[in-house]
C-alpha atoms as a PDB file:
ATOM      1  CA  UNK A   1      -0.771  -9.711   4.010  1.00  0.00           C
ATOM      2  CA  UNK A   2       0.039  -8.921   0.334  1.00  0.00           C
ATOM      3  CA  UNK A   3      -0.978  -5.568  -1.079  1.00  0.00           C
ATOM      4  CA  UNK A   4      -4.136  -5.499  -3.240  1.00  0.00           C
ATOM      5  CA  UNK A   5      -3.461  -6.060  -6.915  1.00  0.00           C
ATOM      6  CA  UNK A   6      -4.698  -2.556  -7.716  1.00  0.00           C
ATOM      7  CA  UNK A   7      -1.945  -1.160  -5.488  1.00  0.00           C
ATOM      8  CA  UNK A   8       0.638  -3.403  -7.163  1.00  0.00           C
ATOM      9  CA  UNK A   9      -0.383  -2.209 -10.628  1.00  0.00           C
ATOM     10  CA  UNK A  10      -0.402   1.423  -9.531  1.00  0.00           C
ATOM     11  CA  UNK A  11       3.101   1.012  -8.106  1.00  0.00           C
ATOM     12  CA  UNK A  12       4.305  -0.588 -11.322  1.00  0.00           C
ATOM     13  CA  UNK A  13       2.951   2.359 -13.324  1.00  0.00           C
ATOM     14  CA  UNK A  14       4.758   4.749 -11.006  1.00  0.00           C
ATOM     15  CA  UNK A  15       8.089   2.988 -11.419  1.00  0.00           C
ATOM     16  CA  UNK A  16      10.878   3.547 -13.891  1.00  0.00           C
ATOM     17  CA  UNK A  17      11.258   0.129 -15.514  1.00  0.00           C
ATOM     18  CA  UNK A  18       9.249  -1.250 -18.413  1.00  0.00           C
ATOM     19  CA  UNK A  19       6.168  -3.203 -17.279  1.00  0.00           C
ATOM     20  CA  UNK A  20       5.953  -6.495 -19.165  1.00  0.00           C
ATOM     21  CA  UNK A  21       2.479  -8.001 -19.665  1.00  0.00           C
ATOM     22  CA  UNK A  22       1.287 -11.069 -21.589  1.00  0.00           C
ATOM     23  CA  UNK A  23      -2.132 -12.074 -22.810  1.00  0.00           C
ATOM     24  CA  UNK A  24      -4.247 -14.922 -21.459  1.00  0.00           C
ATOM     25  CA  UNK A  25      -7.759 -16.285 -21.854  1.00  0.00           C
ATOM     26  CA  UNK A  26      -8.315 -18.664 -18.932  1.00  0.00           C
ATOM     27  CA  UNK A  27      -6.891 -19.670 -15.567  1.00  0.00           C
ATOM     28  CA  UNK A  28      -4.250 -21.992 -16.993  1.00  0.00           C
ATOM     29  CA  UNK A  29      -2.858 -19.486 -19.485  1.00  0.00           C
ATOM     30  CA  UNK A  30      -2.879 -16.752 -16.824  1.00  0.00           C
ATOM     31  CA  UNK A  31      -0.917 -18.987 -14.447  1.00  0.00           C
ATOM     32  CA  UNK A  32       1.619 -19.720 -17.185  1.00  0.00           C
ATOM     33  CA  UNK A  33       2.010 -15.965 -17.747  1.00  0.00           C
ATOM     34  CA  UNK A  34       2.769 -15.503 -14.058  1.00  0.00           C
ATOM     35  CA  UNK A  35       5.159 -18.457 -13.895  1.00  0.00           C
ATOM     36  CA  UNK A  36       7.010 -17.082 -16.920  1.00  0.00           C
ATOM     37  CA  UNK A  37       7.950 -13.931 -15.007  1.00  0.00           C
ATOM     38  CA  UNK A  38       5.614 -11.295 -16.435  1.00  0.00           C
ATOM     39  CA  UNK A  39       4.454  -8.403 -14.266  1.00  0.00           C
ATOM     40  CA  UNK A  40       0.752  -8.640 -15.109  1.00  0.00           C
ATOM     41  CA  UNK A  41      -1.820 -10.563 -17.135  1.00  0.00           C
ATOM     42  CA  UNK A  42      -3.725  -9.047 -20.061  1.00  0.00           C
ATOM     43  CA  UNK A  43      -7.218 -10.575 -20.129  1.00  0.00           C
ATOM     44  CA  UNK A  44      -7.252 -10.356 -23.899  1.00  0.00           C
ATOM     45  CA  UNK A  45     -10.536  -9.832 -25.708  1.00  0.00           C
ATOM     46  CA  UNK A  46      -9.029 -11.467 -28.793  1.00  0.00           C
ATOM     47  CA  UNK A  47      -7.867 -14.498 -26.819  1.00  0.00           C
ATOM     48  CA  UNK A  48     -11.123 -14.908 -24.912  1.00  0.00           C
ATOM     49  CA  UNK A  49     -13.172 -14.647 -28.124  1.00  0.00           C
ATOM     50  CA  UNK A  50     -10.870 -17.144 -29.836  1.00  0.00           C
ATOM     51  CA  UNK A  51     -11.212 -19.542 -26.896  1.00  0.00           C
ATOM     52  CA  UNK A  52     -14.985 -19.470 -27.504  1.00  0.00           C
ATOM     53  CA  UNK A  53     -14.340 -20.053 -31.239  1.00  0.00           C
ATOM     54  CA  UNK A  54     -16.079 -16.727 -31.901  1.00  0.00           C
ATOM     55  CA  UNK A  55     -14.949 -13.638 -33.826  1.00  0.00           C
ATOM     56  CA  UNK A  56     -13.454 -10.741 -31.880  1.00  0.00           C
ATOM     57  CA  UNK A  57     -16.290  -8.470 -32.950  1.00  0.00           C
ATOM     58  CA  UNK A  58     -18.210  -7.403 -29.813  1.00  0.00           C
ATOM     59  CA  UNK A  59     -20.098 -10.707 -29.790  1.00  0.00           C
ATOM     60  CA  UNK A  60     -19.301 -11.846 -26.261  1.00  0.00           C
ATOM     61  CA  UNK A  61     -21.279 -10.098 -23.545  1.00  0.00           C
ATOM     62  CA  UNK A  62     -19.793  -8.180 -20.651  1.00  0.00           C
ATOM     63  CA  UNK A  63     -20.813 -11.013 -18.309  1.00  0.00           C
ATOM     64  CA  UNK A  64     -18.942 -13.579 -20.401  1.00  0.00           C
ATOM     65  CA  UNK A  65     -15.838 -11.397 -20.627  1.00  0.00           C
ATOM     66  CA  UNK A  66     -15.954 -10.618 -16.916  1.00  0.00           C
ATOM     67  CA  UNK A  67     -16.305 -14.306 -16.037  1.00  0.00           C
ATOM     68  CA  UNK A  68     -13.156 -15.093 -18.008  1.00  0.00           C
ATOM     69  CA  UNK A  69     -11.224 -12.236 -16.382  1.00  0.00           C
ATOM     70  CA  UNK A  70     -12.380 -13.301 -12.909  1.00  0.00           C
ATOM     71  CA  UNK A  71     -11.124 -16.859 -13.460  1.00  0.00           C
ATOM     72  CA  UNK A  72      -7.747 -15.515 -14.604  1.00  0.00           C
ATOM     73  CA  UNK A  73      -7.544 -13.224 -11.598  1.00  0.00           C
ATOM     74  CA  UNK A  74      -8.293 -16.054  -9.174  1.00  0.00           C
ATOM     75  CA  UNK A  75      -5.536 -18.178 -10.714  1.00  0.00           C
ATOM     76  CA  UNK A  76      -2.686 -15.697 -10.192  1.00  0.00           C
ATOM     77  CA  UNK A  77      -1.152 -13.392  -7.612  1.00  0.00           C
ATOM     78  CA  UNK A  78      -0.125 -10.702 -10.128  1.00  0.00           C
ATOM     79  CA  UNK A  79      -2.470  -7.952 -11.393  1.00  0.00           C
ATOM     80  CA  UNK A  80      -4.915  -8.593 -14.223  1.00  0.00           C
ATOM     81  CA  UNK A  81      -5.690  -5.837 -16.729  1.00  0.00           C
ATOM     82  CA  UNK A  82      -8.908  -6.527 -18.634  1.00  0.00           C
ATOM     83  CA  UNK A  83      -9.374  -5.687 -22.285  1.00  0.00           C
ATOM     84  CA  UNK A  84     -12.931  -4.326 -22.308  1.00  0.00           C
ATOM     85  CA  UNK A  85     -13.117  -3.324 -25.981  1.00  0.00           C
ATOM     86  CA  UNK A  86     -15.371  -0.256 -26.321  1.00  0.00           C
ATOM     87  CA  UNK A  87     -16.631  -0.491 -22.740  1.00  0.00           C
ATOM     88  CA  UNK A  88     -19.749  -2.511 -23.655  1.00  0.00           C
ATOM     89  CA  UNK A  89     -21.730   0.606 -24.538  1.00  0.00           C
ATOM     90  CA  UNK A  90     -21.905   4.298 -23.732  1.00  0.00           C
ATOM     91  CA  UNK A  91     -20.825   6.126 -20.560  1.00  0.00           C
ATOM     92  CA  UNK A  92     -23.473   4.552 -18.260  1.00  0.00           C
ATOM     93  CA  UNK A  93     -22.470   1.076 -19.494  1.00  0.00           C
ATOM     94  CA  UNK A  94     -18.829   1.924 -18.826  1.00  0.00           C
ATOM     95  CA  UNK A  95     -19.659   2.942 -15.257  1.00  0.00           C
ATOM     96  CA  UNK A  96     -21.458  -0.354 -14.676  1.00  0.00           C
ATOM     97  CA  UNK A  97     -18.553  -2.254 -16.225  1.00  0.00           C
ATOM     98  CA  UNK A  98     -15.972  -0.559 -13.996  1.00  0.00           C
ATOM     99  CA  UNK A  99     -17.948  -1.326 -10.844  1.00  0.00           C
ATOM    100  CA  UNK A 100     -18.332  -4.986 -11.800  1.00  0.00           C
ATOM    101  CA  UNK A 101     -14.688  -5.489 -12.786  1.00  0.00           C
ATOM    102  CA  UNK A 102     -13.360  -3.666  -9.749  1.00  0.00           C
ATOM    103  CA  UNK A 103     -15.612  -5.705  -7.443  1.00  0.00           C
ATOM    104  CA  UNK A 104     -14.213  -8.868  -9.068  1.00  0.00           C
ATOM    105  CA  UNK A 105     -10.698  -7.843  -8.067  1.00  0.00           C
ATOM    106  CA  UNK A 106      -9.454  -6.866 -11.522  1.00  0.00           C
ATOM    107  CA  UNK A 107      -6.654  -4.288 -11.158  1.00  0.00           C
ATOM    108  CA  UNK A 108      -7.458  -2.254 -14.244  1.00  0.00           C
ATOM    109  CA  UNK A 109      -9.465  -2.040 -17.461  1.00  0.00           C
ATOM    110  CA  UNK A 110      -8.714  -0.796 -20.950  1.00  0.00           C
ATOM    111  CA  UNK A 111     -11.314   0.704 -23.284  1.00  0.00           C
ATOM    112  CA  UNK A 112     -10.831   1.844 -26.883  1.00  0.00           C
ATOM    113  CA  UNK A 113     -12.219   4.644 -29.017  1.00  0.00           C
ATOM    114  CA  UNK A 114     -13.872   2.542 -31.728  1.00  0.00           C
ATOM    115  CA  UNK A 115     -17.587   2.617 -32.393  1.00  0.00           C
ATOM    116  CA  UNK A 116     -19.612  -0.341 -31.051  1.00  0.00           C
ATOM    117  CA  UNK A 117     -19.776  -3.032 -32.370  1.00  0.00           C
ATOM    118  CA  UNK A 118     -16.041  -3.114 -33.033  1.00  0.00           C
ATOM    119  CA  UNK A 119     -13.956  -5.390 -35.212  1.00  0.00           C
ATOM    120  CA  UNK A 120     -10.564  -6.741 -34.245  1.00  0.00           C
ATOM    121  CA  UNK A 121      -7.832  -4.292 -35.184  1.00  0.00           C
ATOM    122  CA  UNK A 122      -6.157  -6.737 -37.578  1.00  0.00           C
ATOM    123  CA  UNK A 123      -9.222  -6.849 -39.817  1.00  0.00           C
ATOM    124  CA  UNK A 124      -8.405  -4.352 -42.544  1.00  0.00           C
ATOM    125  CA  UNK A 125     -11.857  -2.846 -43.168  1.00  0.00           C
ATOM    126  CA  UNK A 126     -14.914  -1.720 -41.229  1.00  0.00           C
ATOM    127  CA  UNK A 127     -13.317   0.394 -38.488  1.00  0.00           C
ATOM    128  CA  UNK A 128     -14.805   3.656 -37.239  1.00  0.00           C
ATOM    129  CA  UNK A 129     -13.834   5.859 -34.306  1.00  0.00           C
ATOM    130  CA  UNK A 130     -16.220   7.776 -32.092  1.00  0.00           C
ATOM    131  CA  UNK A 131     -15.533  11.458 -31.474  1.00  0.00           C
ATOM    132  CA  UNK A 132     -12.803  12.578 -29.122  1.00  0.00           C
ATOM    133  CA  UNK A 133     -15.389  14.201 -26.838  1.00  0.00           C
ATOM    134  CA  UNK A 134     -17.562  11.088 -26.719  1.00  0.00           C
ATOM    135  CA  UNK A 135     -14.656   8.859 -25.740  1.00  0.00           C
ATOM    136  CA  UNK A 136     -13.298  11.364 -23.217  1.00  0.00           C
ATOM    137  CA  UNK A 137     -16.758  11.227 -21.610  1.00  0.00           C
ATOM    138  CA  UNK A 138     -16.376   7.450 -21.301  1.00  0.00           C
ATOM    139  CA  UNK A 139     -13.012   7.906 -19.582  1.00  0.00           C
ATOM    140  CA  UNK A 140     -14.496  10.421 -17.144  1.00  0.00           C
ATOM    141  CA  UNK A 141     -17.395   8.061 -16.444  1.00  0.00           C
ATOM    142  CA  UNK A 142     -14.982   5.201 -15.741  1.00  0.00           C
ATOM    143  CA  UNK A 143     -12.952   7.290 -13.306  1.00  0.00           C
ATOM    144  CA  UNK A 144     -16.102   8.526 -11.587  1.00  0.00           C
ATOM    145  CA  UNK A 145     -17.347   4.958 -11.110  1.00  0.00           C
ATOM    146  CA  UNK A 146     -14.232   3.432  -9.560  1.00  0.00           C
ATOM    147  CA  UNK A 147     -14.133   3.064  -5.789  1.00  0.00           C
ATOM    148  CA  UNK A 148     -10.429   2.604  -5.130  1.00  0.00           C
ATOM    149  CA  UNK A 149      -8.083   5.426  -6.158  1.00  0.00           C
ATOM    150  CA  UNK A 150      -5.597   2.742  -7.249  1.00  0.00           C
ATOM    151  CA  UNK A 151      -7.872   1.146  -9.868  1.00  0.00           C
ATOM    152  CA  UNK A 152      -6.353   1.783 -13.301  1.00  0.00           C
ATOM    153  CA  UNK A 153      -8.240   2.958 -16.402  1.00  0.00           C
ATOM    154  CA  UNK A 154      -6.363   2.780 -19.713  1.00  0.00           C
ATOM    155  CA  UNK A 155      -7.622   4.816 -22.669  1.00  0.00           C
ATOM    156  CA  UNK A 156      -6.757   3.222 -26.011  1.00  0.00           C
ATOM    157  CA  UNK A 157      -6.672   5.045 -29.318  1.00  0.00           C
ATOM    158  CA  UNK A 158      -7.010   3.212 -32.621  1.00  0.00           C
ATOM    159  CA  UNK A 159      -6.035   6.258 -34.693  1.00  0.00           C
ATOM    160  CA  UNK A 160      -3.059   4.478 -36.249  1.00  0.00           C
ATOM    161  CA  UNK A 161      -5.235   1.462 -37.074  1.00  0.00           C
ATOM    162  CA  UNK A 162      -7.371   3.735 -39.271  1.00  0.00           C
ATOM    163  CA  UNK A 163      -4.274   5.314 -40.845  1.00  0.00           C
ATOM    164  CA  UNK A 164      -5.017   8.728 -39.351  1.00  0.00           C
ATOM    165  CA  UNK A 165      -1.402   9.565 -38.550  1.00  0.00           C
ATOM    166  CA  UNK A 166       0.494  10.826 -35.506  1.00  0.00           C
ATOM    167  CA  UNK A 167      -1.302  14.182 -35.176  1.00  0.00           C
ATOM    168  CA  UNK A 168      -4.665  12.468 -34.659  1.00  0.00           C
ATOM    169  CA  UNK A 169      -3.148   9.834 -32.370  1.00  0.00           C
ATOM    170  CA  UNK A 170      -1.505  12.518 -30.238  1.00  0.00           C
ATOM    171  CA  UNK A 171      -4.651  14.665 -30.108  1.00  0.00           C
ATOM    172  CA  UNK A 172      -6.767  11.750 -28.992  1.00  0.00           C
ATOM    173  CA  UNK A 173      -4.261  10.387 -26.476  1.00  0.00           C
ATOM    174  CA  UNK A 174      -3.826  13.840 -24.924  1.00  0.00           C
ATOM    175  CA  UNK A 175      -7.594  14.308 -24.622  1.00  0.00           C
ATOM    176  CA  UNK A 176      -7.966  10.924 -22.945  1.00  0.00           C
ATOM    177  CA  UNK A 177      -5.132  11.689 -20.529  1.00  0.00           C
ATOM    178  CA  UNK A 178      -6.722  15.036 -19.679  1.00  0.00           C
ATOM    179  CA  UNK A 179     -10.064  13.245 -19.101  1.00  0.00           C
ATOM    180  CA  UNK A 180      -8.370  11.177 -16.393  1.00  0.00           C
ATOM    181  CA  UNK A 181      -6.930   8.074 -18.078  1.00  0.00           C
ATOM    182  CA  UNK A 182      -4.157   6.602 -15.938  1.00  0.00           C
ATOM    183  CA  UNK A 183      -2.348   5.419 -19.078  1.00  0.00           C
ATOM    184  CA  UNK A 184      -2.882   5.645 -22.832  1.00  0.00           C
ATOM    185  CA  UNK A 185      -2.528   2.696 -25.168  1.00  0.00           C
ATOM    186  CA  UNK A 186      -1.375   3.525 -28.697  1.00  0.00           C
ATOM    187  CA  UNK A 187      -2.119   0.664 -31.055  1.00  0.00           C
ATOM    188  CA  UNK A 188      -0.439   0.026 -34.398  1.00  0.00           C
ATOM    189  CA  UNK A 189      -0.517  -2.808 -36.916  1.00  0.00           C
ATOM    190  CA  UNK A 190       2.368  -1.460 -38.990  1.00  0.00           C
ATOM    191  CA  UNK A 191       5.211  -3.885 -39.780  1.00  0.00           C
ATOM    192  CA  UNK A 192       7.724  -1.659 -37.964  1.00  0.00           C
ATOM    193  CA  UNK A 193       7.466   0.473 -34.799  1.00  0.00           C
ATOM    194  CA  UNK A 194       8.242   3.693 -36.712  1.00  0.00           C
ATOM    195  CA  UNK A 195       4.885   5.374 -36.029  1.00  0.00           C
ATOM    196  CA  UNK A 196       5.081   4.398 -32.358  1.00  0.00           C
ATOM    197  CA  UNK A 197       8.546   5.988 -32.120  1.00  0.00           C
ATOM    198  CA  UNK A 198       7.190   9.148 -33.813  1.00  0.00           C
ATOM    199  CA  UNK A 199       4.369   9.274 -31.273  1.00  0.00           C
ATOM    200  CA  UNK A 200       6.767   8.839 -28.355  1.00  0.00           C
ATOM    201  CA  UNK A 201       9.116  11.550 -29.611  1.00  0.00           C
ATOM    202  CA  UNK A 202       6.216  14.023 -29.567  1.00  0.00           C
ATOM    203  CA  UNK A 203       4.448  12.834 -26.388  1.00  0.00           C
ATOM    204  CA  UNK A 204       4.884  15.558 -23.774  1.00  0.00           C
ATOM    205  CA  UNK A 205       2.419  14.546 -21.075  1.00  0.00           C
ATOM    206  CA  UNK A 206       3.532  12.573 -18.046  1.00  0.00           C
ATOM    207  CA  UNK A 207       0.848   9.896 -18.478  1.00  0.00           C
ATOM    208  CA  UNK A 208       2.333   6.417 -19.129  1.00  0.00           C
ATOM    209  CA  UNK A 209       2.149   5.016 -22.673  1.00  0.00           C
ATOM    210  CA  UNK A 210       1.283   1.379 -23.403  1.00  0.00           C
ATOM    211  CA  UNK A 211       2.073  -0.432 -26.666  1.00  0.00           C
ATOM    212  CA  UNK A 212       1.070  -3.804 -28.140  1.00  0.00           C
ATOM    213  CA  UNK A 213       3.706  -5.050 -30.616  1.00  0.00           C
ATOM    214  CA  UNK A 214       1.744  -7.756 -32.430  1.00  0.00           C
ATOM    215  CA  UNK A 215       2.926  -6.968 -35.975  1.00  0.00           C
ATOM    216  CA  UNK A 216       6.234  -5.233 -35.290  1.00  0.00           C
ATOM    217  CA  UNK A 217       9.250  -6.154 -33.190  1.00  0.00           C
ATOM    218  CA  UNK A 218      10.678  -3.940 -30.463  1.00  0.00           C
ATOM    219  CA  UNK A 219      13.175  -4.979 -27.822  1.00  0.00           C
ATOM    220  CA  UNK A 220      12.899  -4.087 -24.155  1.00  0.00           C
ATOM    221  CA  UNK A 221      15.876  -1.759 -24.608  1.00  0.00           C
ATOM    222  CA  UNK A 222      14.235   0.049 -27.537  1.00  0.00           C
ATOM    223  CA  UNK A 223      10.947   0.443 -25.710  1.00  0.00           C
ATOM    224  CA  UNK A 224      12.657   1.819 -22.613  1.00  0.00           C
ATOM    225  CA  UNK A 225      14.824   4.166 -24.664  1.00  0.00           C
ATOM    226  CA  UNK A 226      11.737   5.657 -26.318  1.00  0.00           C
ATOM    227  CA  UNK A 227       9.948   6.126 -22.987  1.00  0.00           C
ATOM    228  CA  UNK A 228       7.295   3.401 -23.264  1.00  0.00           C
ATOM    229  CA  UNK A 229       5.960   2.399 -19.827  1.00  0.00           C
ATOM    230  CA  UNK A 230       4.204  -0.899 -20.578  1.00  0.00           C
ATOM    231  CA  UNK A 231       4.389  -3.511 -23.322  1.00  0.00           C
ATOM    232  CA  UNK A 232       1.591  -6.040 -23.817  1.00  0.00           C
ATOM    233  CA  UNK A 233       2.271  -9.238 -25.755  1.00  0.00           C
ATOM    234  CA  UNK A 234      -1.412  -9.665 -26.329  1.00  0.00           C
ATOM    235  CA  UNK A 235      -1.951 -12.930 -28.195  1.00  0.00           C
ATOM    236  CA  UNK A 236       1.290 -14.938 -28.348  1.00  0.00           C
ATOM    237  CA  UNK A 237       0.120 -17.580 -25.876  1.00  0.00           C
ATOM    238  CA  UNK A 238      -3.053 -18.580 -27.692  1.00  0.00           C
ATOM    239  CA  UNK A 239      -1.304 -18.503 -31.075  1.00  0.00           C
ATOM    240  CA  UNK A 240       1.291 -20.930 -29.710  1.00  0.00           C
ATOM    241  CA  UNK A 241      -1.373 -23.123 -28.140  1.00  0.00           C
ATOM    242  CA  UNK A 242      -3.579 -23.267 -31.250  1.00  0.00           C
ATOM    243  CA  UNK A 243      -0.756 -24.358 -33.529  1.00  0.00           C
ATOM    244  CA  UNK A 244       0.615 -26.895 -31.037  1.00  0.00           C
ATOM    245  CA  UNK A 245      -2.816 -28.435 -30.437  1.00  0.00           C
ATOM    246  CA  UNK A 246      -3.615 -28.582 -34.150  1.00  0.00           C
ATOM    247  CA  UNK A 247      -0.313 -30.270 -35.042  1.00  0.00           C
ATOM    248  CA  UNK A 248      -0.531 -32.680 -32.114  1.00  0.00           C
ATOM    249  CA  UNK A 249      -4.118 -33.728 -32.804  1.00  0.00           C
ATOM    250  CA  UNK A 250      -3.485 -34.082 -36.537  1.00  0.00           C
ATOM    251  CA  UNK A 251      -0.547 -36.398 -35.817  1.00  0.00           C
ATOM    252  CA  UNK A 252      -2.602 -38.362 -33.289  1.00  0.00           C
ATOM    253  CA  UNK A 253      -5.405 -38.754 -35.822  1.00  0.00           C
ATOM    254  CA  UNK A 254      -3.004 -39.877 -38.542  1.00  0.00           C
ATOM    255  CA  UNK A 255      -0.981 -42.301 -36.403  1.00  0.00           C
ATOM    256  CA  UNK A 256      -3.841 -43.560 -34.258  1.00  0.00           C
ATOM    257  CA  UNK A 257      -1.989 -43.563 -30.961  1.00  0.00           C
ATOM    258  CA  UNK A 258       0.317 -41.382 -28.846  1.00  0.00           C
ATOM    259  CA  UNK A 259       3.762 -42.223 -30.215  1.00  0.00           C
ATOM    260  CA  UNK A 260       6.900 -41.877 -28.096  1.00  0.00           C
ATOM    261  CA  UNK A 261       8.011 -38.879 -30.178  1.00  0.00           C
ATOM    262  CA  UNK A 262       4.635 -37.212 -29.635  1.00  0.00           C
ATOM    263  CA  UNK A 263       4.718 -37.982 -25.913  1.00  0.00           C
ATOM    264  CA  UNK A 264       8.083 -36.218 -25.706  1.00  0.00           C
ATOM    265  CA  UNK A 265       6.598 -33.032 -27.198  1.00  0.00           C
ATOM    266  CA  UNK A 266       3.563 -32.633 -24.963  1.00  0.00           C
ATOM    267  CA  UNK A 267       3.273 -31.731 -21.292  1.00  0.00           C
ATOM    268  CA  UNK A 268       3.384 -34.626 -18.869  1.00  0.00           C
ATOM    269  CA  UNK A 269       0.453 -35.393 -16.630  1.00  0.00           C
ATOM    270  CA  UNK A 270       2.654 -34.489 -13.661  1.00  0.00           C
ATOM    271  CA  UNK A 271       3.212 -31.013 -15.147  1.00  0.00           C
ATOM    272  CA  UNK A 272      -0.519 -30.464 -15.436  1.00  0.00           C
ATOM    273  CA  UNK A 273      -1.161 -31.771 -11.936  1.00  0.00           C
ATOM    274  CA  UNK A 274       1.408 -29.240 -10.692  1.00  0.00           C
ATOM    275  CA  UNK A 275      -0.261 -26.417 -12.640  1.00  0.00           C
ATOM    276  CA  UNK A 276      -3.628 -27.422 -11.177  1.00  0.00           C
ATOM    277  CA  UNK A 277      -2.243 -27.135  -7.672  1.00  0.00           C
ATOM    278  CA  UNK A 278      -2.859 -30.798  -6.967  1.00  0.00           C
ATOM    279  CA  UNK A 279       0.190 -31.217  -4.678  1.00  0.00           C
ATOM    280  CA  UNK A 280      -1.329 -28.801  -2.154  1.00  0.00           C
ATOM    281  CA  UNK A 281      -4.607 -30.736  -2.217  1.00  0.00           C
ATOM    282  CA  UNK A 282      -2.754 -33.986  -1.514  1.00  0.00           C
ATOM    283  CA  UNK A 283      -0.767 -32.374   1.271  1.00  0.00           C
ATOM    284  CA  UNK A 284      -3.919 -30.942   2.862  1.00  0.00           C
ATOM    285  CA  UNK A 285      -5.605 -34.327   2.887  1.00  0.00           C
ATOM    286  CA  UNK A 286      -2.611 -35.868   4.609  1.00  0.00           C
ATOM    287  CA  UNK A 287      -3.028 -33.511   7.561  1.00  0.00           C
END
């Protein structure tokens, strides 16, 4: 019997190699993440909001976000880490959230230190952080609520997003680690990883550090050399899908039929039947 996904994620965090994670928003995208060789799925708040054609601005409810994460989790055998934004409220809300996500089989959750309602980090105005003490209380509440000791809580600081510099990022990350966070996520939208490297050079605690290189490039070798434990490619899948669907549908609308050149660029029906798991259904019905 395979180990629970919480155990798998905990073991990954305790290992020496870089943990590679990719974002998803539904069962299909999660399965593609797994088939592509990633260690875990990031149930991305940005991707899920985009899939609803809604802004990533604390509009979706916890129930809607949890439903999406549950579908992803059921589609894969690797751990799912859920992006839970600000935790859907204060410390009591965070406790409720942790219990619900853990019961659903999600291996870990990530919460960030922005004030609710948040805006996506790549919006350039309107961001505000809550106090260090208030967010540390959320971390403690999350750890108090979990049932399994292997469930993972990631504390995310948006200090760099607000341009507050490495001192503030380090102060906040250290406070969240001391409050019990199993890992700290340090987010940056700079065009280079320079501020992430500065953070890593000064990080002295043993708690794993997670990064999300959406606007900067960093190789696996660079990340490992600087001591990063986990990298999340948070939104590449849905960006690829949106452009491909737009271009395909625009061509279909213009031409009026599926041309041979267009057919060659899209997935075959057999590929989708395989992704659905249809062969196992057919085999079962033969028995």
